[in-house]
Amino acid sequence: MASRRYDEEEMDRIDTLAEIDQTAFWKVVNSKCAKSKQNGRELDFDGKRETTIDGVLRGWNSHFKRLYSFEENPKFDPLHKELVENSVKEYLKTPDVDHDYTEIAYETNTTELDQIITELPNNKTASLDNITYEHLKYGGPTLT
């Protein structure tokens, strides 16, 4: 019971760090990975222990779908949210603020973009829309 409570508190702390301090988050995550003796064949997803490859894959699939879904955090302060939303509305009403975000501050050309795309690293995680750097690098001019 105490170890489960500790694990839950530790996961809450890690979750908070992920939102607040990425450097501290990765230090904690990497330190946990170094000490872990778990080989990945048996994982616990929401209290359900998965031991088969298909079960582990389903668990990870479910985890990442939840991770990238937009839901309200029950621990979030609704008064703070309202304060921030109202502040943004007031800011956008301010007449002396330039709200034209469509104009690029400097000129670019296709040669510069091609060079930037060519230098992107391989084997990185795809974005939320499932586009990887390799798609841009090898997709040809139609894609880029």
N, C-alpha and C. Protein backbone atom coordinates (compact mmCIF):
# COMPACT_ATOMS: atom_id res chain seq x y z
N MET A 1 0.83 -1.19 0.00
CA MET A 1 0.00 0.00 0.00
C MET A 1 0.88 1.26 0.00
N ALA A 2 1.89 1.29 0.85
CA ALA A 2 2.77 2.46 0.93
C ALA A 2 3.58 2.62 -0.35
N SER A 3 4.02 1.51 -0.93
CA SER A 3 4.82 1.62 -2.16
C SER A 3 3.95 2.11 -3.32
N ARG A 4 2.70 1.69 -3.33
CA ARG A 4 1.78 2.17 -4.38
C ARG A 4 1.54 3.67 -4.23
N ARG A 5 1.38 4.13 -2.98
CA ARG A 5 1.18 5.56 -2.72
C ARG A 5 2.43 6.34 -3.14
N TYR A 6 3.59 5.79 -2.82
CA TYR A 6 4.84 6.44 -3.22
C TYR A 6 4.93 6.54 -4.74
N ASP A 7 4.60 5.43 -5.43
CA ASP A 7 4.63 5.43 -6.89
C ASP A 7 3.68 6.48 -7.47
N GLU A 8 2.47 6.57 -6.90
CA GLU A 8 1.50 7.56 -7.38
C GLU A 8 2.01 8.98 -7.16
N GLU A 9 2.58 9.24 -5.99
CA GLU A 9 3.12 10.57 -5.71
C GLU A 9 4.29 10.89 -6.64
N GLU A 10 5.12 9.89 -6.89
CA GLU A 10 6.26 10.09 -7.78
C GLU A 10 5.79 10.36 -9.21
N MET A 11 4.76 9.65 -9.67
CA MET A 11 4.23 9.89 -11.00
C MET A 11 3.61 11.28 -11.10
N ASP A 12 2.92 11.73 -10.05
CA ASP A 12 2.37 13.10 -10.02
C ASP A 12 3.50 14.12 -10.11
N ARG A 13 4.58 13.87 -9.38
CA ARG A 13 5.72 14.79 -9.40
C ARG A 13 6.34 14.84 -10.80
N ILE A 14 6.49 13.68 -11.42
CA ILE A 14 7.06 13.62 -12.77
C ILE A 14 6.14 14.32 -13.76
N ASP A 15 4.83 14.10 -13.62
CA ASP A 15 3.86 14.74 -14.50
C ASP A 15 3.93 16.27 -14.36
N THR A 16 4.06 16.74 -13.14
CA THR A 16 4.17 18.18 -12.90
C THR A 16 5.47 18.73 -13.50
N LEU A 17 6.56 18.00 -13.32
CA LEU A 17 7.84 18.43 -13.89
C LEU A 17 7.78 18.50 -15.41
N ALA A 18 7.05 17.57 -16.03
CA ALA A 18 6.94 17.56 -17.49
C ALA A 18 6.31 18.86 -17.99
N GLU A 19 5.41 19.43 -17.20
CA GLU A 19 4.74 20.66 -17.60
C GLU A 19 5.55 21.90 -17.23
N ILE A 20 6.36 21.81 -16.17
CA ILE A 20 7.01 22.99 -15.63
C ILE A 20 8.49 23.09 -15.99
N ASP A 21 9.24 22.00 -15.83
CA ASP A 21 10.70 22.05 -15.98
C ASP A 21 11.18 20.81 -16.72
N GLN A 22 11.37 20.95 -18.04
CA GLN A 22 11.77 19.81 -18.87
C GLN A 22 13.12 19.23 -18.45
N THR A 23 14.06 20.07 -18.05
CA THR A 23 15.38 19.58 -17.66
C THR A 23 15.28 18.68 -16.43
N ALA A 24 14.57 19.15 -15.42
CA ALA A 24 14.39 18.34 -14.21
C ALA A 24 13.59 17.07 -14.52
N PHE A 25 12.60 17.19 -15.40
CA PHE A 25 11.79 16.03 -15.80
C PHE A 25 12.68 14.93 -16.37
N TRP A 26 13.56 15.30 -17.32
CA TRP A 26 14.39 14.29 -17.95
C TRP A 26 15.44 13.73 -16.99
N LYS A 27 15.91 14.53 -16.05
CA LYS A 27 16.85 14.02 -15.05
C LYS A 27 16.18 12.92 -14.22
N VAL A 28 14.94 13.18 -13.80
CA VAL A 28 14.22 12.19 -12.99
C VAL A 28 13.92 10.95 -13.82
N VAL A 29 13.44 11.14 -15.04
CA VAL A 29 13.10 10.00 -15.90
C VAL A 29 14.34 9.16 -16.19
N ASN A 30 15.43 9.81 -16.55
CA ASN A 30 16.66 9.07 -16.84
C ASN A 30 17.20 8.35 -15.61
N SER A 31 17.08 8.96 -14.43
CA SER A 31 17.55 8.28 -13.22
C SER A 31 16.69 7.05 -12.93
N LYS A 32 15.40 7.14 -13.22
CA LYS A 32 14.52 5.98 -13.01
C LYS A 32 14.86 4.87 -14.00
N CYS A 33 15.18 5.25 -15.22
CA CYS A 33 15.51 4.24 -16.24
C CYS A 33 16.79 3.51 -15.88
N ALA A 34 17.75 4.22 -15.35
CA ALA A 34 19.03 3.60 -15.01
C ALA A 34 18.87 2.57 -13.90
N LYS A 35 17.94 2.80 -12.97
CA LYS A 35 17.76 1.90 -11.84
C LYS A 35 16.79 0.76 -12.15
N SER A 36 16.03 0.90 -13.21
CA SER A 36 14.99 -0.07 -13.52
C SER A 36 15.59 -1.40 -13.96
N LYS A 37 15.05 -2.47 -13.41
CA LYS A 37 15.48 -3.81 -13.81
C LYS A 37 14.41 -4.47 -14.69
N GLN A 38 13.37 -3.70 -14.97
CA GLN A 38 12.28 -4.22 -15.77
C GLN A 38 12.72 -4.33 -17.22
N ASN A 39 12.42 -5.45 -17.86
CA ASN A 39 12.88 -5.66 -19.22
C ASN A 39 11.84 -5.32 -20.27
N GLY A 40 10.68 -4.81 -19.88
CA GLY A 40 9.67 -4.41 -20.84
C GLY A 40 8.73 -5.52 -21.25
N ARG A 41 8.92 -6.71 -20.71
CA ARG A 41 8.04 -7.82 -21.06
C ARG A 41 6.77 -7.83 -20.24
N GLU A 42 6.79 -7.11 -19.15
CA GLU A 42 5.63 -7.06 -18.27
C GLU A 42 5.47 -5.63 -17.79
N LEU A 43 4.34 -5.02 -18.15
CA LEU A 43 4.10 -3.63 -17.77
C LEU A 43 2.71 -3.49 -17.17
N ASP A 44 2.58 -2.49 -16.32
CA ASP A 44 1.32 -2.21 -15.64
C ASP A 44 0.71 -0.96 -16.27
N PHE A 45 -0.47 -1.11 -16.87
CA PHE A 45 -1.18 0.02 -17.46
C PHE A 45 -2.50 0.19 -16.73
N ASP A 46 -2.62 1.29 -16.00
CA ASP A 46 -3.85 1.60 -15.25
C ASP A 46 -4.29 0.45 -14.36
N GLY A 47 -3.34 -0.17 -13.69
CA GLY A 47 -3.65 -1.24 -12.76
C GLY A 47 -3.80 -2.60 -13.41
N LYS A 48 -3.70 -2.68 -14.71
CA LYS A 48 -3.82 -3.97 -15.41
C LYS A 48 -2.44 -4.37 -15.91
N ARG A 49 -1.97 -5.54 -15.48
CA ARG A 49 -0.64 -6.02 -15.84
C ARG A 49 -0.71 -6.73 -17.19
N GLU A 50 0.11 -6.25 -18.12
CA GLU A 50 0.17 -6.84 -19.46
C GLU A 50 1.47 -7.62 -19.60
N THR A 51 1.37 -8.86 -20.05
CA THR A 51 2.56 -9.70 -20.18
C THR A 51 2.82 -10.15 -21.61
N THR A 52 1.83 -9.98 -22.50
CA THR A 52 2.04 -10.38 -23.89
C THR A 52 2.48 -9.16 -24.71
N ILE A 53 3.09 -9.43 -25.83
CA ILE A 53 3.53 -8.33 -26.70
C ILE A 53 2.33 -7.51 -27.16
N ASP A 54 1.25 -8.19 -27.57
CA ASP A 54 0.06 -7.46 -28.01
C ASP A 54 -0.54 -6.63 -26.88
N GLY A 55 -0.56 -7.18 -25.68
CA GLY A 55 -1.09 -6.45 -24.53
C GLY A 55 -0.27 -5.21 -24.21
N VAL A 56 1.06 -5.36 -24.26
CA VAL A 56 1.94 -4.21 -23.99
C VAL A 56 1.75 -3.16 -25.08
N LEU A 57 1.65 -3.58 -26.34
CA LEU A 57 1.43 -2.63 -27.43
C LEU A 57 0.10 -1.90 -27.27
N ARG A 58 -0.95 -2.63 -26.90
CA ARG A 58 -2.26 -2.00 -26.66
C ARG A 58 -2.16 -0.99 -25.51
N GLY A 59 -1.43 -1.38 -24.46
CA GLY A 59 -1.26 -0.48 -23.31
C GLY A 59 -0.55 0.80 -23.69
N TRP A 60 0.55 0.67 -24.45
CA TRP A 60 1.28 1.87 -24.89
C TRP A 60 0.41 2.72 -25.82
N ASN A 61 -0.31 2.07 -26.71
CA ASN A 61 -1.20 2.78 -27.63
C ASN A 61 -2.22 3.60 -26.84
N SER A 62 -2.85 2.97 -25.88
CA SER A 62 -3.83 3.67 -25.04
C SER A 62 -3.18 4.81 -24.26
N HIS A 63 -1.99 4.56 -23.72
CA HIS A 63 -1.28 5.59 -22.94
C HIS A 63 -1.00 6.82 -23.79
N PHE A 64 -0.46 6.63 -24.99
CA PHE A 64 -0.11 7.77 -25.82
C PHE A 64 -1.34 8.48 -26.39
N LYS A 65 -2.42 7.75 -26.63
CA LYS A 65 -3.66 8.41 -27.06
C LYS A 65 -4.17 9.33 -25.96
N ARG A 66 -4.12 8.85 -24.71
CA ARG A 66 -4.55 9.69 -23.57
C ARG A 66 -3.59 10.86 -23.38
N LEU A 67 -2.31 10.61 -23.56
CA LEU A 67 -1.29 11.63 -23.35
C LEU A 67 -1.50 12.82 -24.28
N TYR A 68 -1.90 12.55 -25.51
CA TYR A 68 -2.06 13.62 -26.49
C TYR A 68 -3.51 14.04 -26.68
N SER A 69 -4.40 13.62 -25.80
CA SER A 69 -5.78 14.08 -25.90
C SER A 69 -5.92 15.34 -25.05
N PHE A 70 -6.83 16.20 -25.47
CA PHE A 70 -7.03 17.45 -24.77
C PHE A 70 -8.17 17.27 -23.77
N GLU A 71 -7.80 17.12 -22.52
CA GLU A 71 -8.81 16.97 -21.48
C GLU A 71 -8.45 17.90 -20.33
N GLU A 72 -9.43 18.21 -19.55
CA GLU A 72 -9.21 19.09 -18.40
C GLU A 72 -8.45 18.34 -17.32
N ASN A 73 -7.46 18.98 -16.75
CA ASN A 73 -6.71 18.41 -15.63
C ASN A 73 -7.49 18.72 -14.35
N PRO A 74 -7.91 17.69 -13.59
CA PRO A 74 -8.69 17.95 -12.38
C PRO A 74 -7.92 18.72 -11.32
N LYS A 75 -6.60 18.73 -11.40
CA LYS A 75 -5.79 19.44 -10.41
C LYS A 75 -5.56 20.90 -10.81
N PHE A 76 -6.02 21.29 -11.99
CA PHE A 76 -5.78 22.64 -12.47
C PHE A 76 -6.74 23.60 -11.79
N ASP A 77 -6.25 24.76 -11.44
CA ASP A 77 -7.05 25.77 -10.75
C ASP A 77 -7.94 26.50 -11.76
N PRO A 78 -9.27 26.33 -11.66
CA PRO A 78 -10.16 26.97 -12.64
C PRO A 78 -10.14 28.50 -12.55
N LEU A 79 -9.88 29.04 -11.37
CA LEU A 79 -9.81 30.50 -11.23
C LEU A 79 -8.60 31.06 -11.98
N HIS A 80 -7.49 30.33 -11.90
CA HIS A 80 -6.29 30.76 -12.64
C HIS A 80 -6.54 30.69 -14.15
N LYS A 81 -7.20 29.63 -14.58
CA LYS A 81 -7.52 29.48 -16.00
C LYS A 81 -8.37 30.66 -16.47
N GLU A 82 -9.37 31.01 -15.69
CA GLU A 82 -10.24 32.13 -16.05
C GLU A 82 -9.45 33.44 -16.09
N LEU A 83 -8.57 33.63 -15.11
CA LEU A 83 -7.74 34.83 -15.07
C LEU A 83 -6.86 34.94 -16.32
N VAL A 84 -6.24 33.84 -16.71
CA VAL A 84 -5.39 33.84 -17.90
C VAL A 84 -6.22 34.11 -19.16
N GLU A 85 -7.36 33.44 -19.28
CA GLU A 85 -8.21 33.65 -20.46
C GLU A 85 -8.67 35.11 -20.56
N ASN A 86 -9.05 35.70 -19.43
CA ASN A 86 -9.46 37.10 -19.43
C ASN A 86 -8.30 38.02 -19.77
N SER A 87 -7.11 37.70 -19.26
CA SER A 87 -5.93 38.52 -19.57
C SER A 87 -5.62 38.49 -21.07
N VAL A 88 -5.75 37.32 -21.68
CA VAL A 88 -5.51 37.20 -23.11
C VAL A 88 -6.54 38.02 -23.89
N LYS A 89 -7.81 37.93 -23.48
CA LYS A 89 -8.85 38.71 -24.17
C LYS A 89 -8.56 40.20 -24.07
N GLU A 90 -8.18 40.67 -22.90
CA GLU A 90 -7.86 42.08 -22.72
C GLU A 90 -6.64 42.48 -23.55
N TYR A 91 -5.65 41.62 -23.59
CA TYR A 91 -4.45 41.89 -24.38
C TYR A 91 -4.80 42.05 -25.86
N LEU A 92 -5.65 41.16 -26.34
CA LEU A 92 -6.01 41.21 -27.76
C LEU A 92 -6.87 42.42 -28.09
N LYS A 93 -7.55 42.99 -27.11
CA LYS A 93 -8.36 44.19 -27.33
C LYS A 93 -7.50 45.45 -27.38
N THR A 94 -6.27 45.38 -26.89
CA THR A 94 -5.40 46.55 -26.81
C THR A 94 -5.10 47.05 -28.22
N PRO A 95 -5.40 48.33 -28.52
CA PRO A 95 -5.24 48.83 -29.89
C PRO A 95 -3.79 49.01 -30.33
N ASP A 96 -2.87 49.21 -29.40
CA ASP A 96 -1.49 49.48 -29.81
C ASP A 96 -0.67 48.21 -30.02
N VAL A 97 -1.29 47.07 -29.89
CA VAL A 97 -0.57 45.80 -30.08
C VAL A 97 -0.77 45.34 -31.52
N ASP A 98 0.32 45.01 -32.17
CA ASP A 98 0.26 44.53 -33.55
C ASP A 98 -0.12 43.05 -33.52
N HIS A 99 -1.30 42.74 -34.04
CA HIS A 99 -1.80 41.36 -33.98
C HIS A 99 -1.66 40.63 -35.31
N ASP A 100 -0.93 41.20 -36.25
CA ASP A 100 -0.77 40.54 -37.54
C ASP A 100 0.39 39.55 -37.46
N TYR A 101 0.03 38.28 -37.21
CA TYR A 101 1.05 37.24 -37.05
C TYR A 101 1.31 36.51 -38.36
N THR A 102 0.66 36.94 -39.43
CA THR A 102 0.82 36.22 -40.70
C THR A 102 2.06 36.66 -41.45
N GLU A 103 2.59 37.83 -41.14
CA GLU A 103 3.75 38.34 -41.86
C GLU A 103 5.04 37.79 -41.27
N ILE A 104 5.89 37.25 -42.11
CA ILE A 104 7.18 36.72 -41.67
C ILE A 104 8.15 37.88 -41.53
N ALA A 105 8.93 37.88 -40.48
CA ALA A 105 9.82 39.00 -40.18
C ALA A 105 10.98 39.10 -41.16
N TYR A 106 11.32 38.03 -41.85
CA TYR A 106 12.43 38.08 -42.80
C TYR A 106 12.08 37.22 -44.00
N GLU A 107 12.72 37.52 -45.09
CA GLU A 107 12.47 36.79 -46.33
C GLU A 107 13.21 35.45 -46.31
N THR A 108 12.58 34.44 -46.83
CA THR A 108 13.23 33.14 -46.98
C THR A 108 13.13 32.72 -48.44
N ASN A 109 13.95 31.79 -48.82
CA ASN A 109 13.85 31.27 -50.18
C ASN A 109 13.93 29.75 -50.13
N THR A 110 13.62 29.12 -51.24
CA THR A 110 13.57 27.66 -51.25
C THR A 110 14.94 27.03 -51.04
N THR A 111 15.99 27.70 -51.44
CA THR A 111 17.34 27.16 -51.23
C THR A 111 17.64 27.05 -49.74
N GLU A 112 17.30 28.10 -48.99
CA GLU A 112 17.50 28.07 -47.53
C GLU A 112 16.68 26.95 -46.89
N LEU A 113 15.42 26.86 -47.30
CA LEU A 113 14.55 25.83 -46.73
C LEU A 113 15.06 24.43 -47.08
N ASP A 114 15.49 24.23 -48.31
CA ASP A 114 16.03 22.92 -48.71
C ASP A 114 17.24 22.55 -47.85
N GLN A 115 18.11 23.51 -47.59
CA GLN A 115 19.30 23.24 -46.77
C GLN A 115 18.89 22.89 -45.33
N ILE A 116 17.94 23.63 -44.79
CA ILE A 116 17.48 23.36 -43.42
C ILE A 116 16.88 21.97 -43.34
N ILE A 117 16.03 21.63 -44.31
CA ILE A 117 15.38 20.31 -44.31
C ILE A 117 16.42 19.21 -44.47
N THR A 118 17.41 19.39 -45.32
CA THR A 118 18.46 18.39 -45.53
C THR A 118 19.23 18.11 -44.25
N GLU A 119 19.42 19.13 -43.41
CA GLU A 119 20.20 18.98 -42.19
C GLU A 119 19.39 18.47 -40.99
N LEU A 120 18.10 18.24 -41.18
CA LEU A 120 17.30 17.71 -40.07
C LEU A 120 17.78 16.30 -39.71
N PRO A 121 17.77 15.95 -38.41
CA PRO A 121 18.24 14.62 -38.01
C PRO A 121 17.22 13.53 -38.36
N ASN A 122 17.72 12.34 -38.58
CA ASN A 122 16.86 11.18 -38.86
C ASN A 122 16.46 10.49 -37.56
N ASN A 123 15.50 9.59 -37.68
CA ASN A 123 15.07 8.71 -36.58
C ASN A 123 14.55 9.46 -35.36
N LYS A 124 13.83 10.55 -35.60
CA LYS A 124 13.21 11.29 -34.51
C LYS A 124 11.71 11.00 -34.52
N THR A 125 11.08 11.21 -33.39
CA THR A 125 9.65 10.95 -33.25
C THR A 125 8.85 11.87 -34.16
N ALA A 126 7.77 11.34 -34.70
CA ALA A 126 6.90 12.13 -35.56
C ALA A 126 6.16 13.18 -34.74
N SER A 127 5.68 14.20 -35.43
CA SER A 127 4.88 15.24 -34.77
C SER A 127 3.48 14.69 -34.50
N LEU A 128 2.62 15.52 -33.91
CA LEU A 128 1.26 15.07 -33.62
C LEU A 128 0.50 14.68 -34.88
N ASP A 129 0.88 15.24 -36.02
CA ASP A 129 0.22 14.89 -37.27
C ASP A 129 0.95 13.76 -38.01
N ASN A 130 1.83 13.05 -37.30
CA ASN A 130 2.55 11.87 -37.80
C ASN A 130 3.49 12.18 -38.97
N ILE A 131 4.02 13.38 -39.03
CA ILE A 131 5.00 13.73 -40.06
C ILE A 131 6.38 13.69 -39.43
N THR A 132 7.27 12.91 -40.03
CA THR A 132 8.64 12.81 -39.53
C THR A 132 9.55 13.68 -40.40
N TYR A 133 10.76 13.90 -39.91
CA TYR A 133 11.74 14.64 -40.71
C TYR A 133 12.03 13.91 -42.02
N GLU A 134 12.00 12.58 -41.98
CA GLU A 134 12.27 11.81 -43.18
C GLU A 134 11.22 12.08 -44.26
N HIS A 135 9.96 12.30 -43.83
CA HIS A 135 8.92 12.65 -44.81
C HIS A 135 9.32 13.91 -45.56
N LEU A 136 9.79 14.91 -44.82
CA LEU A 136 10.19 16.17 -45.44
C LEU A 136 11.45 16.01 -46.28
N LYS A 137 12.41 15.23 -45.76
CA LYS A 137 13.69 15.08 -46.45
C LYS A 137 13.57 14.30 -47.75
N TYR A 138 12.77 13.25 -47.74
CA TYR A 138 12.72 12.35 -48.88
C TYR A 138 11.40 12.38 -49.63
N GLY A 139 10.47 13.24 -49.20
CA GLY A 139 9.15 13.31 -49.82
C GLY A 139 9.12 14.08 -51.12
N GLY A 140 10.19 14.77 -51.43
CA GLY A 140 10.24 15.52 -52.69
C GLY A 140 9.59 16.88 -52.58
N PRO A 141 9.67 17.65 -53.66
CA PRO A 141 9.17 19.02 -53.64
C PRO A 141 7.66 19.12 -53.42
N THR A 142 6.91 18.09 -53.80
CA THR A 142 5.47 18.13 -53.61
C THR A 142 5.13 18.20 -52.12
N LEU A 143 5.84 17.45 -51.32
CA LEU A 143 5.57 17.42 -49.89
C LEU A 143 6.12 18.65 -49.18
N THR A 144 7.27 19.12 -49.59
CA THR A 144 7.88 20.26 -48.91
C THR A 144 7.42 21.55 -49.55
